[in-house]
Amino acid sequence: MQKVRFTISISLDGFVAGPDQSVANPLGVGGTRLHEWAFALEVFRASHGLSGGEVNPSTSVVNESLANVGVTLMGRNMFGGHPGPWNTARPWNGWWGTNPPFHHPVIVLTHYGREPLVLEGGTVFTFVTGGIHEALEQARKAAGEKDVALAGGASAGRQYLKAGLVDEMDLNLVPTLLGSGERLFEGVGDDLHGLELIRTVASPAVTHLKFARRS
């Protein structure tokens, strides 16, 4: 059965990005600390065309998150660029260059439409303005029999969690404090809308918490 799987890194104080996010600093002040555990992994580096890297308890978690994904769904803030209407004179094509690591369709939830963006390696960004349900419907169709990977950011994640549309959630809990920034669970509620903890994988740099929908 097709699933919606949400994966995101989070600080001990509940932030998924630091303060003062900008095009020059998309993760905000201190936000890169949430992802340093992944940058060092062999599997992460390989997905970005790089060699070397570590193999540790996080490797199997990342491999699982990449398996059986047919489409990625993300919010406009994660895709990036200046807020508001798209700059047609200098169009923003994402953070990942001409060959993004997805290599499958990507649905971008946004208030501002634009034509699909076709890049190398099979990555096609489609921009959906009809809200979370329309975006998910398109994502499910594009995924076929595979799963939908909900990649964030915080706003998109909150909306799908509050709507009860997330089947699995992987929180990568990083032992750092950001103090302020973008909170993931603001207004989500105290029951995670039917998700319960089913697995914990710990390493010195990160603790992976896997939640799944109660049967």
Protein backbone atom coordinates (compact mmCIF):
# COMPACT_ATOMS: atom_id res chain seq x y z
CA MET A 1 0.00 0.00 0.00
CA GLN A 2 1.31 3.44 -0.93
CA LYS A 3 2.48 5.57 2.02
CA VAL A 4 3.23 9.23 2.70
CA ARG A 5 6.59 9.28 4.48
CA PHE A 6 7.80 12.47 6.15
CA THR A 7 11.51 12.79 6.98
CA ILE A 8 13.13 15.81 8.63
CA SER A 9 15.97 16.76 10.99
CA ILE A 10 15.09 18.63 14.17
CA SER A 11 16.91 20.23 17.10
CA LEU A 12 16.37 19.36 20.77
CA ASP A 13 14.28 22.53 21.14
CA GLY A 14 12.03 21.68 18.19
CA PHE A 15 13.42 23.77 15.32
CA VAL A 16 14.04 22.50 11.79
CA ALA A 17 15.77 25.71 10.68
CA GLY A 18 17.52 28.50 12.51
CA PRO A 19 16.62 32.21 12.59
CA ASP A 20 17.23 34.69 9.74
CA GLN A 21 16.66 32.32 6.83
CA SER A 22 17.55 33.81 3.46
CA VAL A 23 18.60 32.79 -0.03
CA ALA A 24 22.21 33.21 1.10
CA ASN A 25 21.56 31.19 4.29
CA PRO A 26 18.53 28.95 3.60
CA LEU A 27 18.77 26.95 6.84
CA GLY A 28 19.13 30.04 9.02
CA VAL A 29 21.76 30.70 11.67
CA GLY A 30 23.02 27.37 12.98
CA GLY A 31 20.67 25.37 10.77
CA THR A 32 23.40 23.42 9.00
CA ARG A 33 24.21 21.72 12.31
CA LEU A 34 20.97 19.74 11.88
CA HIS A 35 22.37 18.00 8.80
CA GLU A 36 26.07 17.53 9.51
CA TRP A 37 25.42 13.91 10.55
CA ALA A 38 24.08 13.22 7.04
CA PHE A 39 26.74 15.16 5.13
CA ALA A 40 29.40 12.76 6.44
CA LEU A 41 27.62 9.58 5.29
CA GLU A 42 28.80 7.58 2.29
CA VAL A 43 25.20 7.05 1.15
CA PHE A 44 24.47 10.80 1.25
CA ARG A 45 27.64 11.69 -0.60
CA ALA A 46 26.96 9.05 -3.25
CA SER A 47 23.48 10.48 -3.90
CA HIS A 48 25.15 13.82 -4.66
CA GLY A 49 27.79 12.34 -6.94
CA LEU A 50 30.57 12.41 -4.33
CA SER A 51 32.91 9.66 -3.16
CA GLY A 52 34.03 8.65 0.32
CA GLY A 53 32.14 9.05 3.56
CA GLU A 54 31.22 7.13 6.68
CA VAL A 55 29.17 3.99 7.25
CA ASN A 56 27.54 3.95 10.70
CA PRO A 57 24.14 3.20 12.32
CA SER A 58 22.60 6.12 10.40
CA THR A 59 23.39 4.45 7.06
CA SER A 60 20.59 1.90 7.24
CA VAL A 61 18.13 4.61 8.28
CA VAL A 62 19.01 6.77 5.28
CA ASN A 63 18.94 3.79 2.92
CA GLU A 64 15.44 2.96 4.15
CA SER A 65 14.29 6.56 3.64
CA LEU A 66 15.47 6.45 0.02
CA ALA A 67 13.95 3.08 -0.82
CA ASN A 68 10.67 2.70 -2.77
CA VAL A 69 10.21 6.46 -3.29
CA GLY A 70 8.39 7.38 -6.49
CA VAL A 71 7.96 11.11 -5.95
CA THR A 72 9.09 13.82 -3.55
CA LEU A 73 6.64 16.43 -2.22
CA MET A 74 7.98 19.67 -0.76
CA GLY A 75 6.93 23.21 0.13
CA ARG A 76 7.98 26.36 -1.69
CA ASN A 77 10.36 27.35 1.11
CA MET A 78 12.29 24.10 0.74
CA PHE A 79 12.53 24.55 -3.03
CA GLY A 80 13.79 28.03 -2.24
CA GLY A 81 14.20 31.32 -3.99
CA HIS A 82 12.88 34.69 -2.96
CA PRO A 83 9.35 34.68 -1.46
CA GLY A 84 6.43 35.90 -3.54
CA PRO A 85 5.98 35.57 -7.31
CA TRP A 86 8.73 33.88 -9.29
CA ASN A 87 11.38 36.07 -10.88
CA THR A 88 10.82 35.28 -14.55
CA ALA A 89 13.90 37.25 -15.64
CA ARG A 90 16.15 35.10 -13.42
CA PRO A 91 14.13 31.96 -12.62
CA TRP A 92 15.06 30.05 -9.48
CA ASN A 93 15.78 26.41 -10.26
CA GLY A 94 16.39 25.08 -6.75
CA TRP A 95 19.43 24.52 -4.56
CA TRP A 96 20.65 21.37 -6.32
CA GLY A 97 22.13 22.52 -9.63
CA THR A 98 21.37 21.02 -13.02
CA ASN A 99 21.32 17.40 -11.78
CA PRO A 100 19.38 17.26 -8.48
CA PRO A 101 19.67 14.11 -6.33
CA PHE A 102 15.99 13.16 -6.66
CA HIS A 103 15.94 11.51 -10.12
CA HIS A 104 12.14 11.27 -10.03
CA PRO A 105 9.20 13.72 -10.12
CA VAL A 106 9.08 16.45 -7.46
CA ILE A 107 5.84 18.25 -6.53
CA VAL A 108 6.30 21.75 -5.11
CA LEU A 109 3.46 23.19 -3.02
CA THR A 110 3.30 26.93 -3.75
CA HIS A 111 0.99 29.93 -4.06
CA TYR A 112 2.59 30.97 -7.35
CA GLY A 113 2.35 28.83 -10.46
CA ARG A 114 5.02 28.30 -13.09
CA GLU A 115 5.73 25.84 -15.87
CA PRO A 116 7.29 22.48 -14.94
CA LEU A 117 11.05 22.57 -14.57
CA VAL A 118 12.83 19.68 -16.29
CA LEU A 119 16.39 19.01 -15.14
CA GLU A 120 18.92 16.22 -15.62
CA GLY A 121 18.62 12.69 -14.29
CA GLY A 122 14.84 12.43 -14.54
CA THR A 123 14.06 15.18 -12.02
CA VAL A 124 10.99 17.21 -13.02
CA PHE A 125 9.64 19.88 -10.65
CA THR A 126 5.88 20.49 -10.95
CA PHE A 127 4.44 23.52 -9.14
CA VAL A 128 0.97 23.07 -7.63
CA THR A 129 -1.10 26.01 -6.37
CA GLY A 130 -4.29 24.21 -5.31
CA GLY A 131 -3.32 23.40 -1.71
CA ILE A 132 -2.10 20.34 0.16
CA HIS A 133 -4.79 17.92 -1.02
CA GLU A 134 -4.35 18.70 -4.71
CA ALA A 135 -0.56 18.51 -4.35
CA LEU A 136 -0.81 15.13 -2.63
CA GLU A 137 -3.24 13.82 -5.25
CA GLN A 138 -0.77 14.71 -8.00
CA ALA A 139 2.08 13.22 -5.98
CA ARG A 140 0.22 9.93 -5.48
CA LYS A 141 -0.46 9.65 -9.21
CA ALA A 142 3.16 10.45 -10.08
CA ALA A 143 4.47 7.89 -7.55
CA GLY A 144 2.50 5.00 -9.06
CA GLU A 145 2.87 2.00 -6.78
CA LYS A 146 5.75 3.58 -4.85
CA ASP A 147 5.65 5.87 -1.82
CA VAL A 148 5.44 9.66 -1.54
CA ALA A 149 8.40 11.23 0.28
CA LEU A 150 7.31 14.39 2.10
CA ALA A 151 10.54 16.33 2.45
CA GLY A 152 9.37 19.46 4.27
CA GLY A 153 9.98 22.18 5.13
CA ALA A 154 8.31 22.99 8.40
CA SER A 155 5.17 24.63 7.02
CA ALA A 156 4.40 21.83 4.56
CA GLY A 157 5.13 19.21 7.20
CA ARG A 158 2.81 20.87 9.73
CA GLN A 159 -0.03 21.10 7.24
CA TYR A 160 0.12 17.42 6.30
CA LEU A 161 0.52 16.33 9.92
CA LYS A 162 -2.46 18.41 11.06
CA ALA A 163 -4.55 16.98 8.22
CA GLY A 164 -3.69 13.43 9.32
CA LEU A 165 -2.17 12.62 5.93
CA VAL A 166 1.25 11.36 7.09
CA ASP A 167 1.60 7.56 7.38
CA GLU A 168 5.20 7.48 8.62
CA MET A 169 7.46 10.13 10.12
CA ASP A 170 11.21 9.89 10.61
CA LEU A 171 12.59 12.55 12.96
CA ASN A 172 16.36 12.90 12.99
CA LEU A 173 16.86 14.40 16.44
CA VAL A 174 20.17 16.27 16.60
CA PRO A 175 21.69 17.08 20.02
CA THR A 176 21.90 20.82 19.50
CA LEU A 177 19.86 23.87 20.49
CA LEU A 178 19.00 26.59 17.96
CA GLY A 179 17.10 28.85 20.36
CA SER A 180 14.77 30.21 17.69
CA GLY A 181 13.86 29.72 14.06
CA GLU A 182 11.27 27.57 12.30
CA ARG A 183 9.34 25.24 14.63
CA LEU A 184 7.93 22.03 13.20
CA PHE A 185 5.17 21.19 15.68
CA GLU A 186 3.65 24.63 16.26
CA GLY A 187 -0.10 24.02 16.54
CA VAL A 188 0.07 20.36 15.49
CA GLY A 189 -1.50 19.02 18.69
CA ASP A 190 -0.42 16.63 21.41
CA ASP A 191 -1.25 13.30 19.75
CA LEU A 192 0.66 13.56 16.45
CA HIS A 193 -2.62 12.76 14.70
CA GLY A 194 -2.44 8.99 14.99
CA LEU A 195 1.34 8.46 14.79
CA GLU A 196 3.20 6.50 17.44
CA LEU A 197 6.87 5.76 18.04
CA ILE A 198 7.89 2.34 16.69
CA ARG A 199 11.71 2.50 16.52
CA THR A 200 14.75 4.35 17.86
CA VAL A 201 18.23 4.21 16.33
CA ALA A 202 20.90 6.11 18.25
CA SER A 203 24.36 7.36 17.34
CA PRO A 204 26.52 10.07 18.94
CA ALA A 205 25.60 12.64 16.27
CA VAL A 206 21.85 11.97 15.89
CA THR A 207 18.97 9.87 17.20
CA HIS A 208 16.51 8.58 14.62
CA LEU A 209 12.90 8.34 15.81
CA LYS A 210 10.49 6.49 13.54
CA PHE A 211 6.73 6.98 13.94
CA ALA A 212 3.97 5.11 12.11
CA ARG A 213 0.22 5.38 11.95
CA ARG A 214 -1.62 3.22 14.45
CA SER A 215 -3.39 0.31 12.76
